[in-house]
Amino acid sequence: MRKFLLLCLTILMVTGCGRKEPPQATVEANPPEIASIQVIDADPSKQLKIRLEGGAGGVGYQMDRAEMDPYCKCPSTWLRYYEEYPLPRNNSKALQKMIRLEVGGHDFVYRIRAIDAAGRLGAWRTLSLQNSAKE
């Protein structure tokens, strides 16, 4: 009985550390951010010129899209539309992406945020029908 309790205690000590999340990297660099977004009219699409800053080991961005509800004039469920993976060459470089704000009579709204190679995320910026970037 004593050996059984000692075995159970050892197993509990090895498996029950209390920490249930993946380890987080300690990073000294600035957090990733979208330094600027320029929207260029290119009927019927819009061209985005995105400049990213900061981030450790490279920077990229995530873009989500939601359909605008015609009744409440609010976005529906956000779905991942595009992701540019974090790369060192993306820092301070003007990246380009084409989007459509209206497809088949349905209006869309986009949101974008920066991500670095360590997995840190920047703040969302929303691109609305008025072609303006908002925080």
N, C-alpha and C. Protein backbone atom coordinates (compact mmCIF):
# COMPACT_ATOMS: atom_id res chain seq x y z
N MET A 1 0.83 -1.20 0.00
CA MET A 1 0.00 0.00 0.00
C MET A 1 0.87 1.25 0.00
N ARG A 2 1.94 1.23 0.77
CA ARG A 2 2.81 2.38 0.87
C ARG A 2 3.49 2.67 -0.47
N LYS A 3 3.90 1.62 -1.20
CA LYS A 3 4.52 1.79 -2.51
C LYS A 3 3.51 2.35 -3.51
N PHE A 4 2.28 1.92 -3.40
CA PHE A 4 1.23 2.41 -4.29
C PHE A 4 0.99 3.90 -4.08
N LEU A 5 0.91 4.34 -2.83
CA LEU A 5 0.73 5.76 -2.54
C LEU A 5 1.93 6.59 -3.00
N LEU A 6 3.13 6.06 -2.82
CA LEU A 6 4.33 6.75 -3.27
C LEU A 6 4.34 6.88 -4.79
N LEU A 7 3.92 5.82 -5.49
CA LEU A 7 3.83 5.86 -6.95
C LEU A 7 2.79 6.89 -7.40
N CYS A 8 1.62 6.92 -6.77
CA CYS A 8 0.57 7.89 -7.12
C CYS A 8 1.05 9.32 -6.88
N LEU A 9 1.73 9.55 -5.78
CA LEU A 9 2.25 10.87 -5.46
C LEU A 9 3.30 11.30 -6.48
N THR A 10 4.16 10.39 -6.88
CA THR A 10 5.19 10.69 -7.89
C THR A 10 4.54 11.04 -9.23
N ILE A 11 3.54 10.27 -9.64
CA ILE A 11 2.84 10.55 -10.90
C ILE A 11 2.15 11.90 -10.84
N LEU A 12 1.52 12.22 -9.72
CA LEU A 12 0.85 13.51 -9.56
C LEU A 12 1.85 14.66 -9.64
N MET A 13 3.01 14.50 -9.04
CA MET A 13 4.02 15.55 -9.05
C MET A 13 4.58 15.76 -10.46
N VAL A 14 4.72 14.70 -11.21
CA VAL A 14 5.29 14.82 -12.55
C VAL A 14 4.28 15.42 -13.53
N THR A 15 3.03 15.02 -13.45
CA THR A 15 2.03 15.46 -14.43
C THR A 15 1.23 16.67 -14.00
N GLY A 16 1.16 16.98 -12.75
CA GLY A 16 0.29 18.06 -12.27
C GLY A 16 1.03 19.31 -11.91
N CYS A 17 1.67 19.96 -12.88
CA CYS A 17 2.46 21.16 -12.58
C CYS A 17 1.57 22.38 -12.36
N GLY A 18 0.30 22.33 -12.83
CA GLY A 18 -0.61 23.44 -12.64
C GLY A 18 -0.59 24.43 -13.79
N ARG A 19 0.36 24.36 -14.66
CA ARG A 19 0.46 25.28 -15.80
C ARG A 19 -0.11 24.58 -17.03
N LYS A 20 -1.18 25.11 -17.61
CA LYS A 20 -1.89 24.46 -18.70
C LYS A 20 -1.92 25.27 -19.98
N GLU A 21 -0.90 26.06 -20.25
CA GLU A 21 -0.85 26.84 -21.47
C GLU A 21 0.52 26.65 -22.11
N PRO A 22 0.62 26.88 -23.41
CA PRO A 22 1.94 26.73 -24.05
C PRO A 22 2.89 27.81 -23.55
N PRO A 23 4.17 27.51 -23.53
CA PRO A 23 5.13 28.51 -23.06
C PRO A 23 5.15 29.73 -23.96
N GLN A 24 5.33 30.90 -23.36
CA GLN A 24 5.38 32.16 -24.09
C GLN A 24 6.82 32.62 -24.21
N ALA A 25 7.19 33.05 -25.40
CA ALA A 25 8.55 33.53 -25.63
C ALA A 25 8.73 34.91 -25.00
N THR A 26 9.89 35.13 -24.41
CA THR A 26 10.23 36.45 -23.90
C THR A 26 10.91 37.21 -25.02
N VAL A 27 10.30 38.32 -25.42
CA VAL A 27 10.79 39.07 -26.58
C VAL A 27 11.08 40.50 -26.16
N GLU A 28 12.24 40.99 -26.57
CA GLU A 28 12.64 42.35 -26.25
C GLU A 28 12.20 43.36 -27.32
N ALA A 29 11.86 42.90 -28.51
CA ALA A 29 11.53 43.79 -29.63
C ALA A 29 10.18 44.46 -29.41
N ASN A 30 9.94 45.53 -30.18
CA ASN A 30 8.65 46.22 -30.14
C ASN A 30 7.55 45.29 -30.62
N PRO A 31 6.33 45.46 -30.13
CA PRO A 31 5.24 44.62 -30.61
C PRO A 31 4.94 44.94 -32.08
N PRO A 32 4.39 43.95 -32.80
CA PRO A 32 4.08 44.20 -34.21
C PRO A 32 2.93 45.18 -34.35
N GLU A 33 2.99 46.01 -35.38
CA GLU A 33 1.92 46.97 -35.61
C GLU A 33 1.82 47.32 -37.09
N ILE A 34 0.65 47.78 -37.47
CA ILE A 34 0.44 48.27 -38.82
C ILE A 34 0.79 49.75 -38.80
N ALA A 35 1.90 50.10 -39.44
CA ALA A 35 2.36 51.49 -39.43
C ALA A 35 1.47 52.36 -40.30
N SER A 36 1.05 51.83 -41.46
CA SER A 36 0.18 52.61 -42.33
C SER A 36 -0.60 51.69 -43.26
N ILE A 37 -1.80 52.15 -43.61
CA ILE A 37 -2.62 51.48 -44.61
C ILE A 37 -3.08 52.56 -45.59
N GLN A 38 -2.81 52.33 -46.85
CA GLN A 38 -3.25 53.24 -47.90
C GLN A 38 -4.24 52.48 -48.77
N VAL A 39 -5.43 53.03 -48.97
CA VAL A 39 -6.47 52.42 -49.80
C VAL A 39 -6.52 53.17 -51.12
N ILE A 40 -6.29 52.44 -52.21
CA ILE A 40 -6.29 53.03 -53.55
C ILE A 40 -7.48 52.47 -54.32
N ASP A 41 -8.28 53.38 -54.89
CA ASP A 41 -9.46 52.98 -55.65
C ASP A 41 -9.03 52.37 -56.98
N ALA A 42 -9.46 51.13 -57.24
CA ALA A 42 -9.16 50.43 -58.49
C ALA A 42 -10.43 49.69 -58.90
N ASP A 43 -11.43 50.43 -59.39
CA ASP A 43 -12.76 49.87 -59.65
C ASP A 43 -12.69 48.51 -60.31
N PRO A 44 -13.48 47.55 -59.89
CA PRO A 44 -14.42 47.56 -58.76
C PRO A 44 -13.76 47.17 -57.44
N SER A 45 -12.45 46.98 -57.45
CA SER A 45 -11.73 46.54 -56.26
C SER A 45 -11.04 47.72 -55.58
N LYS A 46 -10.42 47.42 -54.46
CA LYS A 46 -9.58 48.38 -53.75
C LYS A 46 -8.21 47.74 -53.58
N GLN A 47 -7.18 48.54 -53.75
CA GLN A 47 -5.83 48.06 -53.53
C GLN A 47 -5.35 48.59 -52.19
N LEU A 48 -4.86 47.70 -51.35
CA LEU A 48 -4.32 48.09 -50.06
C LEU A 48 -2.80 48.09 -50.14
N LYS A 49 -2.18 49.14 -49.63
CA LYS A 49 -0.74 49.17 -49.44
C LYS A 49 -0.52 49.22 -47.94
N ILE A 50 0.04 48.16 -47.41
CA ILE A 50 0.19 47.98 -45.97
C ILE A 50 1.67 48.01 -45.62
N ARG A 51 2.02 48.81 -44.61
CA ARG A 51 3.40 48.84 -44.11
C ARG A 51 3.39 48.38 -42.67
N LEU A 52 4.17 47.35 -42.36
CA LEU A 52 4.22 46.75 -41.03
C LEU A 52 5.52 47.14 -40.34
N GLU A 53 5.47 47.27 -39.03
CA GLU A 53 6.64 47.64 -38.23
C GLU A 53 6.74 46.73 -37.01
N GLY A 54 7.95 46.66 -36.45
CA GLY A 54 8.19 45.95 -35.20
C GLY A 54 8.17 44.45 -35.38
N GLY A 55 8.00 43.77 -34.27
CA GLY A 55 7.94 42.32 -34.30
C GLY A 55 9.32 41.69 -34.19
N ALA A 56 9.35 40.52 -33.63
CA ALA A 56 10.58 39.77 -33.46
C ALA A 56 10.63 38.64 -34.48
N GLY A 57 11.72 38.53 -35.20
CA GLY A 57 11.90 37.43 -36.14
C GLY A 57 11.09 37.55 -37.41
N GLY A 58 10.49 38.68 -37.65
CA GLY A 58 9.68 38.88 -38.85
C GLY A 58 8.28 39.30 -38.49
N VAL A 59 7.60 39.87 -39.47
CA VAL A 59 6.25 40.37 -39.23
C VAL A 59 5.38 40.03 -40.44
N GLY A 60 4.12 39.78 -40.19
CA GLY A 60 3.13 39.49 -41.22
C GLY A 60 1.80 40.08 -40.78
N TYR A 61 0.71 39.69 -41.45
CA TYR A 61 -0.59 40.21 -41.05
C TYR A 61 -1.67 39.17 -41.29
N GLN A 62 -2.77 39.34 -40.55
CA GLN A 62 -3.96 38.53 -40.69
C GLN A 62 -5.10 39.44 -41.11
N MET A 63 -5.91 38.97 -42.06
CA MET A 63 -7.04 39.76 -42.53
C MET A 63 -8.31 38.91 -42.42
N ASP A 64 -9.32 39.46 -41.76
CA ASP A 64 -10.62 38.81 -41.63
C ASP A 64 -11.64 39.59 -42.43
N ARG A 65 -12.71 38.91 -42.84
CA ARG A 65 -13.77 39.55 -43.61
C ARG A 65 -15.12 39.14 -43.03
N ALA A 66 -16.06 40.08 -43.02
CA ALA A 66 -17.42 39.81 -42.56
C ALA A 66 -18.40 40.49 -43.51
N GLU A 67 -19.52 39.84 -43.72
CA GLU A 67 -20.56 40.44 -44.55
C GLU A 67 -21.36 41.41 -43.70
N MET A 68 -21.68 42.56 -44.27
CA MET A 68 -22.47 43.55 -43.55
C MET A 68 -23.93 43.13 -43.57
N ASP A 69 -24.55 43.10 -42.39
CA ASP A 69 -25.96 42.77 -42.29
C ASP A 69 -26.77 43.94 -42.82
N PRO A 70 -27.67 43.71 -43.78
CA PRO A 70 -28.39 44.83 -44.38
C PRO A 70 -29.40 45.49 -43.44
N TYR A 71 -29.81 44.82 -42.37
CA TYR A 71 -30.80 45.37 -41.46
C TYR A 71 -30.19 46.21 -40.35
N CYS A 72 -29.20 45.66 -39.68
CA CYS A 72 -28.61 46.41 -38.56
C CYS A 72 -27.37 47.20 -38.97
N LYS A 73 -26.92 47.04 -40.22
CA LYS A 73 -25.73 47.71 -40.72
C LYS A 73 -24.51 47.43 -39.84
N CYS A 74 -24.40 46.16 -39.40
CA CYS A 74 -23.28 45.73 -38.58
C CYS A 74 -22.66 44.48 -39.21
N PRO A 75 -21.38 44.20 -38.90
CA PRO A 75 -20.75 43.02 -39.50
C PRO A 75 -21.29 41.73 -38.89
N SER A 76 -21.38 40.70 -39.75
CA SER A 76 -21.78 39.38 -39.27
C SER A 76 -20.53 38.69 -38.70
N THR A 77 -20.47 37.39 -38.75
CA THR A 77 -19.35 36.62 -38.20
C THR A 77 -18.07 36.88 -38.99
N TRP A 78 -16.99 37.17 -38.27
CA TRP A 78 -15.69 37.39 -38.91
C TRP A 78 -15.08 36.04 -39.29
N LEU A 79 -14.59 35.94 -40.51
CA LEU A 79 -13.93 34.73 -41.00
C LEU A 79 -12.56 35.12 -41.56
N ARG A 80 -11.57 34.23 -41.37
CA ARG A 80 -10.23 34.51 -41.88
C ARG A 80 -10.27 34.56 -43.41
N TYR A 81 -9.81 35.67 -43.97
CA TYR A 81 -9.83 35.89 -45.41
C TYR A 81 -8.45 35.66 -46.03
N TYR A 82 -7.41 36.14 -45.34
CA TYR A 82 -6.05 36.01 -45.87
C TYR A 82 -5.06 36.13 -44.72
N GLU A 83 -3.91 35.48 -44.86
CA GLU A 83 -2.85 35.61 -43.87
C GLU A 83 -1.50 35.65 -44.58
N GLU A 84 -0.74 36.68 -44.31
CA GLU A 84 0.64 36.80 -44.78
C GLU A 84 1.51 36.39 -43.61
N TYR A 85 2.23 35.29 -43.77
CA TYR A 85 3.01 34.74 -42.66
C TYR A 85 4.18 35.66 -42.30
N PRO A 86 4.56 35.67 -41.02
CA PRO A 86 5.65 36.55 -40.58
C PRO A 86 6.98 36.19 -41.25
N LEU A 87 7.56 37.16 -41.92
CA LEU A 87 8.86 37.01 -42.56
C LEU A 87 9.72 38.23 -42.24
N PRO A 88 11.03 38.05 -42.06
CA PRO A 88 11.89 39.21 -41.76
C PRO A 88 11.87 40.27 -42.86
N ARG A 89 11.70 39.87 -44.11
CA ARG A 89 11.72 40.84 -45.21
C ARG A 89 10.48 41.75 -45.25
N ASN A 90 9.43 41.40 -44.51
CA ASN A 90 8.20 42.21 -44.51
C ASN A 90 8.29 43.47 -43.66
N ASN A 91 9.28 43.57 -42.80
CA ASN A 91 9.40 44.71 -41.89
C ASN A 91 9.72 45.98 -42.69
N SER A 92 8.87 46.98 -42.57
CA SER A 92 8.97 48.29 -43.23
C SER A 92 8.81 48.23 -44.74
N LYS A 93 8.38 47.12 -45.28
CA LYS A 93 8.17 46.98 -46.72
C LYS A 93 6.69 47.23 -47.03
N ALA A 94 6.40 47.87 -48.15
CA ALA A 94 5.01 48.11 -48.56
C ALA A 94 4.45 46.84 -49.20
N LEU A 95 3.53 46.19 -48.51
CA LEU A 95 2.88 44.99 -49.03
C LEU A 95 1.58 45.39 -49.70
N GLN A 96 1.20 44.69 -50.76
CA GLN A 96 -0.02 45.04 -51.49
C GLN A 96 -1.00 43.88 -51.46
N LYS A 97 -2.29 44.22 -51.37
CA LYS A 97 -3.36 43.23 -51.37
C LYS A 97 -4.59 43.86 -52.01
N MET A 98 -5.23 43.12 -52.90
CA MET A 98 -6.47 43.57 -53.53
C MET A 98 -7.66 42.99 -52.77
N ILE A 99 -8.69 43.83 -52.52
CA ILE A 99 -9.91 43.38 -51.87
C ILE A 99 -11.11 43.94 -52.62
N ARG A 100 -12.25 43.32 -52.40
CA ARG A 100 -13.51 43.82 -52.97
C ARG A 100 -14.45 44.09 -51.82
N LEU A 101 -14.98 45.30 -51.77
CA LEU A 101 -15.91 45.68 -50.70
C LEU A 101 -17.34 45.28 -51.02
N GLU A 102 -17.61 44.95 -52.28
CA GLU A 102 -18.96 44.55 -52.68
C GLU A 102 -18.82 43.43 -53.71
N VAL A 103 -19.49 42.29 -53.42
CA VAL A 103 -19.46 41.14 -54.32
C VAL A 103 -20.89 40.64 -54.47
N GLY A 104 -21.41 40.67 -55.69
CA GLY A 104 -22.74 40.14 -55.95
C GLY A 104 -23.84 40.78 -55.12
N GLY A 105 -23.77 42.07 -54.88
CA GLY A 105 -24.80 42.75 -54.10
C GLY A 105 -24.62 42.64 -52.60
N HIS A 106 -23.59 41.96 -52.14
CA HIS A 106 -23.30 41.83 -50.71
C HIS A 106 -22.13 42.72 -50.36
N ASP A 107 -22.31 43.54 -49.32
CA ASP A 107 -21.25 44.43 -48.85
C ASP A 107 -20.42 43.72 -47.80
N PHE A 108 -19.09 43.96 -47.85
CA PHE A 108 -18.18 43.35 -46.90
C PHE A 108 -17.38 44.41 -46.18
N VAL A 109 -16.92 44.06 -44.99
CA VAL A 109 -16.02 44.89 -44.21
C VAL A 109 -14.83 44.00 -43.82
N TYR A 110 -13.65 44.60 -43.76
CA TYR A 110 -12.43 43.85 -43.46
C TYR A 110 -11.79 44.40 -42.21
N ARG A 111 -11.05 43.54 -41.52
CA ARG A 111 -10.22 43.99 -40.41
C ARG A 111 -8.86 43.32 -40.57
N ILE A 112 -7.84 44.01 -40.10
CA ILE A 112 -6.47 43.56 -40.31
C ILE A 112 -5.66 43.83 -39.05
N ARG A 113 -4.72 42.92 -38.76
CA ARG A 113 -3.81 43.11 -37.62
C ARG A 113 -2.46 42.49 -37.95
N ALA A 114 -1.42 42.99 -37.30
CA ALA A 114 -0.06 42.50 -37.50
C ALA A 114 0.20 41.33 -36.57
N ILE A 115 1.09 40.44 -37.00
CA ILE A 115 1.52 39.30 -36.19
C ILE A 115 3.01 39.11 -36.42
N ASP A 116 3.75 38.76 -35.36
CA ASP A 116 5.17 38.51 -35.55
C ASP A 116 5.47 37.01 -35.40
N ALA A 117 6.73 36.65 -35.62
CA ALA A 117 7.13 35.25 -35.62
C ALA A 117 7.00 34.61 -34.24
N ALA A 118 6.99 35.42 -33.18
CA ALA A 118 6.82 34.90 -31.82
C ALA A 118 5.35 34.69 -31.48
N GLY A 119 4.44 35.04 -32.39
CA GLY A 119 3.01 34.85 -32.16
C GLY A 119 2.31 36.01 -31.52
N ARG A 120 3.02 37.12 -31.30
CA ARG A 120 2.38 38.29 -30.70
C ARG A 120 1.52 38.99 -31.74
N LEU A 121 0.37 39.49 -31.31
CA LEU A 121 -0.61 40.10 -32.21
C LEU A 121 -0.73 41.59 -31.94
N GLY A 122 -0.90 42.36 -33.00
CA GLY A 122 -1.16 43.79 -32.89
C GLY A 122 -2.64 44.05 -32.77
N ALA A 123 -3.00 45.31 -32.71
CA ALA A 123 -4.41 45.71 -32.60
C ALA A 123 -5.09 45.59 -33.96
N TRP A 124 -6.41 45.30 -33.92
CA TRP A 124 -7.20 45.24 -35.15
C TRP A 124 -7.41 46.64 -35.70
N ARG A 125 -7.39 46.76 -37.02
CA ARG A 125 -7.79 47.99 -37.71
C ARG A 125 -8.85 47.58 -38.72
N THR A 126 -9.96 48.31 -38.76
CA THR A 126 -11.10 47.96 -39.59
C THR A 126 -11.12 48.83 -40.85
N LEU A 127 -11.38 48.18 -41.99
CA LEU A 127 -11.53 48.88 -43.26
C LEU A 127 -12.99 48.82 -43.63
N SER A 128 -13.64 49.97 -43.68
CA SER A 128 -15.09 50.01 -43.93
C SER A 128 -15.37 50.44 -45.35
N LEU A 129 -16.65 50.56 -45.69
CA LEU A 129 -17.08 50.95 -47.03
C LEU A 129 -16.65 52.37 -47.40
N GLN A 130 -16.39 53.18 -46.41
CA GLN A 130 -15.97 54.55 -46.68
C GLN A 130 -14.49 54.64 -47.00
N ASN A 131 -13.80 53.47 -47.13
CA ASN A 131 -12.39 53.39 -47.49
C ASN A 131 -11.47 54.05 -46.48
N SER A 132 -11.88 54.11 -45.24
CA SER A 132 -11.02 54.70 -44.23
C SER A 132 -10.59 53.62 -43.26
N ALA A 133 -9.38 53.72 -42.77
CA ALA A 133 -8.87 52.77 -41.79
C ALA A 133 -9.13 53.32 -40.40
N LYS A 134 -9.77 52.52 -39.56
CA LYS A 134 -10.11 52.95 -38.20
C LYS A 134 -9.48 51.99 -37.21
N GLU A 135 -9.22 52.47 -36.00
CA GLU A 135 -8.72 51.62 -34.92
C GLU A 135 -9.83 50.79 -34.37
